[in-house]
N, C-alpha and C. Protein backbone atom coordinates (compact mmCIF):
# COMPACT_ATOMS: atom_id res chain seq x y z
N MET A 1 14.75 -3.64 12.07
CA MET A 1 14.21 -3.42 10.82
C MET A 1 13.54 -3.85 10.02
N HIS A 2 12.14 -2.72 9.73
CA HIS A 2 10.81 -3.55 9.06
C HIS A 2 11.63 -3.56 7.18
N ALA A 3 10.94 -4.74 6.64
CA ALA A 3 11.61 -5.24 5.11
C ALA A 3 10.43 -4.23 4.63
N PRO A 4 11.34 -4.10 3.04
CA PRO A 4 9.43 -2.83 2.78
C PRO A 4 8.72 -3.23 1.96
N GLU A 5 9.11 -4.53 1.83
CA GLU A 5 7.70 -5.60 1.16
C GLU A 5 6.76 -5.90 2.20
N ARG A 6 6.93 -5.57 3.27
CA ARG A 6 5.42 -5.34 4.54
C ARG A 6 5.37 -4.48 4.47
N CYS A 7 4.13 -4.47 5.06
CA CYS A 7 3.10 -3.48 5.86
C CYS A 7 3.69 -3.84 7.09
N PRO A 8 3.62 -2.18 7.32
CA PRO A 8 4.25 -2.27 9.33
C PRO A 8 2.75 -1.94 10.40
N ALA A 9 1.64 -2.10 9.70
CA ALA A 9 0.76 -2.32 10.60
C ALA A 9 0.53 -4.07 10.62
N CYS A 10 0.65 -4.85 10.13
CA CYS A 10 0.23 -5.96 10.44
C CYS A 10 1.24 -7.14 10.34
N GLY A 11 1.88 -7.04 9.30
CA GLY A 11 3.72 -7.47 8.62
C GLY A 11 3.04 -8.16 7.34
N ALA A 12 2.19 -8.05 6.90
CA ALA A 12 1.71 -9.34 5.50
C ALA A 12 2.00 -8.52 4.53
N ALA A 13 2.39 -9.20 2.98
CA ALA A 13 2.43 -9.16 1.85
C ALA A 13 2.03 -7.37 2.06
N ASN A 14 2.72 -6.44 1.14
CA ASN A 14 1.85 -5.33 0.89
C ASN A 14 1.84 -4.88 -0.57
N GLN A 15 2.43 -5.67 -1.21
CA GLN A 15 1.89 -5.68 -2.96
C GLN A 15 2.67 -3.90 -3.31
N CYS A 16 3.35 -4.21 -3.27
CA CYS A 16 4.39 -2.55 -3.00
C CYS A 16 4.79 -2.92 -4.15
N ALA A 17 4.65 -2.53 -5.49
CA ALA A 17 5.09 -2.46 -6.80
C ALA A 17 7.01 -2.02 -6.64
N LEU A 18 7.05 -0.68 -6.03
CA LEU A 18 7.91 -0.44 -5.75
C LEU A 18 9.07 -1.28 -4.61
N ALA A 19 9.15 -1.77 -3.85
CA ALA A 19 9.54 -2.73 -3.22
C ALA A 19 9.91 -3.71 -3.60
N ASP A 20 9.58 -4.14 -4.75
CA ASP A 20 9.87 -5.35 -5.82
C ASP A 20 10.56 -5.09 -6.77
N PRO A 21 12.12 -5.20 -6.90
CA PRO A 21 12.30 -5.15 -8.01
C PRO A 21 12.23 -5.12 -9.66
N ARG A 22 11.66 -6.42 -8.94
CA ARG A 22 10.85 -6.89 -10.88
C ARG A 22 9.57 -6.33 -11.08
N SER A 23 8.79 -5.54 -10.81
CA SER A 23 8.33 -4.31 -11.30
C SER A 23 8.30 -2.68 -10.33
N ALA A 24 9.74 -2.86 -10.06
CA ALA A 24 9.93 -1.12 -9.36
C ALA A 24 9.97 0.32 -10.66
N THR A 25 9.73 0.20 -12.31
CA THR A 25 9.42 1.17 -12.82
C THR A 25 8.17 1.11 -12.97
N GLN A 26 7.02 0.71 -12.37
CA GLN A 26 5.82 0.52 -12.75
C GLN A 26 5.40 1.36 -11.57
N ALA A 27 3.93 2.35 -11.38
CA ALA A 27 3.62 2.65 -9.95
C ALA A 27 2.99 1.73 -9.75
N CYS A 28 3.03 2.23 -8.16
CA CYS A 28 2.56 1.43 -7.10
C CYS A 28 0.90 1.73 -7.02
N TRP A 29 0.13 0.68 -6.86
CA TRP A 29 -1.10 0.30 -6.59
C TRP A 29 -1.65 1.14 -5.77
N CYS A 30 -0.82 1.95 -4.64
CA CYS A 30 -1.23 3.32 -4.09
C CYS A 30 -1.86 4.23 -4.62
N TYR A 31 -0.64 3.97 -5.91
CA TYR A 31 -1.02 5.73 -6.58
C TYR A 31 -2.29 6.14 -6.97
N SER A 32 -2.86 4.73 -6.66
CA SER A 32 -4.24 5.30 -7.31
C SER A 32 -5.44 5.11 -6.58
N VAL A 33 -5.32 5.13 -5.38
CA VAL A 33 -6.14 5.50 -4.26
C VAL A 33 -5.96 6.68 -3.60
N SER A 34 -7.13 6.97 -2.40
CA SER A 34 -6.96 7.81 -1.32
C SER A 34 -6.66 7.42 -0.02
N ILE A 35 -5.33 6.61 0.27
CA ILE A 35 -5.30 6.90 1.80
C ILE A 35 -5.58 7.97 3.63
N ASP A 36 -6.65 7.76 3.45
CA ASP A 36 -6.73 7.81 5.06
C ASP A 36 -5.81 8.82 5.65
N PRO A 37 -5.25 10.06 6.20
CA PRO A 37 -4.35 10.00 6.77
C PRO A 37 -4.05 9.69 7.73
N ALA A 38 -5.43 9.70 8.58
CA ALA A 38 -5.35 9.60 9.92
C ALA A 38 -4.62 8.18 10.27
N LEU A 39 -4.69 6.86 9.25
CA LEU A 39 -4.47 5.63 9.28
C LEU A 39 -2.42 5.94 9.14
N LEU A 40 -2.05 6.70 8.57
CA LEU A 40 -0.49 6.43 8.51
C LEU A 40 0.10 7.22 10.33
N GLN A 41 -1.13 8.51 10.06
CA GLN A 41 -0.54 8.85 11.75
C GLN A 41 -0.52 8.25 12.93
N ALA A 42 -0.97 6.62 12.17
CA ALA A 42 -1.67 6.43 14.12
C ALA A 42 -0.59 4.80 14.25
N LEU A 43 0.36 4.73 12.47
CA LEU A 43 1.20 4.18 12.94
C LEU A 43 2.19 4.16 14.26
N PRO A 44 3.53 3.90 14.68
CA PRO A 44 4.69 4.18 15.37
C PRO A 44 5.43 5.04 14.40
N ALA A 45 5.73 6.21 14.92
CA ALA A 45 6.84 7.30 13.92
C ALA A 45 8.06 6.25 13.02
N GLU A 46 8.35 5.44 14.05
CA GLU A 46 9.83 4.93 13.39
C GLU A 46 8.76 3.54 12.57
N LEU A 47 7.81 4.00 12.33
CA LEU A 47 7.40 2.96 11.07
C LEU A 47 7.05 3.73 9.91
N ARG A 48 6.75 4.74 10.11
CA ARG A 48 6.09 5.09 8.83
C ARG A 48 7.08 6.20 7.69
N ASN A 49 6.56 5.94 7.13
CA ASN A 49 6.84 6.47 5.54
C ASN A 49 8.98 4.94 5.05
N ARG A 50 8.03 4.56 5.87
CA ARG A 50 9.53 3.10 5.51
C ARG A 50 8.89 1.86 4.06
N SER A 51 7.68 2.00 5.02
CA SER A 51 7.12 0.98 3.12
C SER A 51 5.77 1.19 3.75
N CYS A 52 4.99 0.95 2.14
CA CYS A 52 3.70 0.30 1.95
C CYS A 52 3.28 -0.31 3.30
N LEU A 53 1.49 0.20 3.28
CA LEU A 53 0.49 -0.56 4.41
C LEU A 53 0.00 -1.54 2.82
N CYS A 54 -0.65 -2.43 3.62
CA CYS A 54 -1.35 -3.39 2.55
C CYS A 54 -2.49 -2.90 2.05
N PRO A 55 -3.59 -3.02 1.06
CA PRO A 55 -4.61 -2.99 0.79
C PRO A 55 -5.32 -2.77 2.40
N ARG A 56 -5.71 -4.13 2.82
CA ARG A 56 -6.75 -4.27 3.97
C ARG A 56 -6.27 -3.10 4.68
N CYS A 57 -4.91 -3.15 5.57
CA CYS A 57 -5.05 -2.14 6.58
C CYS A 57 -5.25 -0.83 5.95
N ALA A 58 -4.45 -0.44 4.57
CA ALA A 58 -5.26 0.83 4.31
C ALA A 58 -6.74 1.49 3.56
N ALA A 59 -6.91 0.01 3.96
CA ALA A 59 -9.06 0.82 3.72
C ALA A 59 -9.66 0.80 3.06
N VAL A 60 -8.55 0.51 2.03
CA VAL A 60 -9.15 0.56 -0.03
C VAL A 60 -8.97 -0.60 -0.60
N ASP A 61 -9.69 -1.39 -0.12
CA ASP A 61 -10.29 -3.09 -0.85
C ASP A 61 -11.28 -2.87 -1.76
N GLU A 62 -12.02 -1.54 -1.55
CA GLU A 62 -12.89 -1.12 -2.51
C GLU A 62 -13.03 -0.54 -3.55
N GLN A 63 -11.92 1.04 -3.25
CA GLN A 63 -11.22 1.76 -4.39
C GLN A 63 -10.41 1.01 -5.39
N LEU A 64 -9.73 -0.45 -4.87
CA LEU A 64 -8.70 -0.55 -5.75
C LEU A 64 -9.70 -1.56 -6.29
N LYS A 65 -11.10 -2.25 -6.35
CA LYS A 65 -11.80 -3.28 -6.92
C LYS A 65 -12.77 -1.83 -7.82
N ALA A 66 -13.40 -0.87 -7.54
CA ALA A 66 -13.55 0.09 -8.56
C ALA A 66 -12.47 0.42 -9.67
N ALA A 67 -11.25 0.58 -9.12
CA ALA A 67 -10.15 1.47 -10.50
C ALA A 67 -10.30 -0.26 -11.17
N ALA A 68 -10.29 -1.39 -10.88
CA ALA A 68 -9.63 -2.64 -11.77
C ALA A 68 -11.67 -2.67 -12.69
N THR A 69 -12.13 -2.46 -12.17
CA THR A 69 -13.79 -2.79 -12.72
C THR A 69 -13.33 -1.51 -14.08
N ARG A 70 -12.84 -0.36 -14.33
CA ARG A 70 -13.18 0.45 -14.65
C ARG A 70 -12.02 0.08 -15.61
N GLN A 71 -11.04 -0.16 -15.41
CA GLN A 71 -9.90 -0.92 -16.37
C GLN A 71 -10.62 -1.46 -17.32
N HIS A 72 -11.35 -2.66 -16.41
CA HIS A 72 -12.04 -3.68 -17.91
C HIS A 72 -12.97 -3.46 -18.54
N ASP A 73 -13.55 -1.63 -17.99
CA ASP A 73 -14.49 -1.46 -18.93
C ASP A 73 -13.75 -0.74 -20.75
């Protein structure tokens, strides 16, 4: 069984706010980005909808950096 705090693609920590009881009431980073549906479809069916991809595997690093910059302006 796959751990909800791990990326189903690479196994690294996925930084999912919902998977961590300390931050489960906060919105996850993935709510602020657009993830290519093809990346999710590329996962084996048994790993889909079980845990978040990590930002690197979701290919959203630049989107997260831009969002962080907007928050600090």
